[in-house]
């Protein structure tokens, strides 16, 4: 399912999505390992490690959101430029036609 979601993202966001997915997978493996092991690791240390992993995951998710916002802004800006180019080309063609009519 993650692969299908990644296919719908712009190319600029795919690396961030991939990193976030990997972080989630590592977190799931760590949780499974913690559940299955019976070592004498203090709970405070485990909580600290879990907190660090969660903060890294949150940072990755925030980075993805920021990149998505940048992509949206660039897309809007690109559409504006295309619109301006379209009208400039039309104006240039109209001016060329008028010049042709005057020269005949």
Protein backbone atom coordinates (compact mmCIF):
# COMPACT_ATOMS: atom_id res chain seq x y z
CA UNK A 1 0.00 0.00 0.00
CA UNK A 2 2.88 2.39 0.75
CA UNK A 3 4.21 1.82 -2.76
CA UNK A 4 0.82 2.81 -4.24
CA UNK A 5 0.77 5.98 -2.13
CA UNK A 6 4.32 6.83 -3.17
CA UNK A 7 3.38 6.58 -6.85
CA UNK A 8 0.91 9.47 -6.42
CA UNK A 9 3.50 11.83 -4.93
CA UNK A 10 5.57 14.28 -6.95
CA UNK A 11 9.16 13.15 -7.54
CA UNK A 12 10.49 15.72 -5.08
CA UNK A 13 8.52 14.18 -2.21
CA UNK A 14 9.26 10.51 -2.88
CA UNK A 15 12.60 10.45 -0.98
CA UNK A 16 10.95 11.98 2.08
CA UNK A 17 8.02 9.57 1.90
CA UNK A 18 10.49 6.70 1.58
CA UNK A 19 12.43 7.90 4.65
CA UNK A 20 9.23 8.28 6.69
CA UNK A 21 8.10 4.80 5.68
CA UNK A 22 11.47 3.35 6.66
CA UNK A 23 11.29 5.12 10.01
CA UNK A 24 7.85 3.68 10.65
CA UNK A 25 9.08 0.20 9.76
CA UNK A 26 12.09 0.55 12.08
CA UNK A 27 9.80 1.73 14.86
CA UNK A 28 7.49 -1.27 14.34
CA UNK A 29 10.49 -3.65 14.43
CA UNK A 30 11.79 -2.00 17.58
CA UNK A 31 8.41 -2.26 19.26
CA UNK A 32 8.21 -5.94 18.29
CA UNK A 33 11.73 -6.57 19.58
CA UNK A 34 10.93 -4.82 22.85
CA UNK A 35 7.79 -6.89 23.27
CA UNK A 36 9.62 -10.17 22.66
CA UNK A 37 12.80 -9.58 24.68
CA UNK A 38 13.02 -10.06 28.41
CA UNK A 39 16.30 -8.29 29.05
CA UNK A 40 16.92 -6.14 32.08
CA UNK A 41 16.79 -2.81 30.24
CA UNK A 42 15.46 -0.02 32.43
CA UNK A 43 12.09 1.34 31.37
CA UNK A 44 13.39 4.90 31.40
CA UNK A 45 16.01 4.02 28.77
CA UNK A 46 13.38 2.39 26.58
CA UNK A 47 11.08 5.37 26.92
CA UNK A 48 13.94 7.69 25.97
CA UNK A 49 14.76 5.63 22.87
CA UNK A 50 11.11 5.49 21.87
CA UNK A 51 10.83 9.24 22.36
CA UNK A 52 13.90 9.84 20.19
CA UNK A 53 12.53 7.59 17.45
CA UNK A 54 9.14 9.28 17.60
CA UNK A 55 10.73 12.73 17.39
CA UNK A 56 12.74 11.66 14.32
CA UNK A 57 9.57 10.34 12.72
CA UNK A 58 7.76 13.58 13.52
CA UNK A 59 10.62 15.57 11.97
CA UNK A 60 10.47 13.45 8.82
CA UNK A 61 6.71 13.91 8.58
CA UNK A 62 7.08 17.67 9.07
CA UNK A 63 9.72 17.78 6.33
CA UNK A 64 7.35 15.93 3.99
CA UNK A 65 4.58 18.45 4.75
CA UNK A 66 6.93 21.37 4.10
CA UNK A 67 8.06 19.88 0.80
CA UNK A 68 4.45 19.26 -0.23
CA UNK A 69 3.69 22.91 0.50
CA UNK A 70 6.69 24.03 -1.56
CA UNK A 71 5.61 21.81 -4.45
CA UNK A 72 2.11 23.29 -4.32
CA UNK A 73 3.49 26.86 -4.33
CA UNK A 74 5.83 26.11 -7.24
CA UNK A 75 3.01 24.50 -9.17
CA UNK A 76 0.85 27.60 -8.73
CA UNK A 77 3.73 29.84 -9.78
CA UNK A 78 4.39 27.64 -12.81
CA UNK A 79 0.72 27.88 -13.85
CA UNK A 80 0.91 31.67 -13.59
CA UNK A 81 3.98 31.74 -15.84
CA UNK A 82 2.28 29.49 -18.39
CA UNK A 83 -0.73 31.80 -18.43
CA UNK A 84 1.48 34.86 -18.97
CA UNK A 85 3.43 33.14 -21.74
CA UNK A 86 0.20 32.18 -23.49
CA UNK A 87 -0.97 35.79 -23.53
CA UNK A 88 2.42 37.13 -24.61
CA UNK A 89 2.49 34.68 -27.53
CA UNK A 90 -1.03 35.73 -28.54
CA UNK A 91 -0.07 39.40 -28.37
CA UNK A 92 3.06 38.76 -30.43
CA UNK A 93 1.09 36.92 -33.12
CA UNK A 94 -1.49 39.71 -33.23
CA UNK A 95 1.29 42.28 -33.59
CA UNK A 96 2.90 40.24 -36.38
CA UNK A 97 -0.43 40.04 -38.23
CA UNK A 98 -0.93 43.81 -37.95
CA UNK A 99 2.60 44.41 -39.21
CA UNK A 100 1.99 42.09 -42.17
CA UNK A 101 -1.22 43.93 -43.07
CA UNK A 102 0.55 47.29 -42.90
CA UNK A 103 3.42 46.14 -45.08
CA UNK A 104 1.10 44.92 -47.89
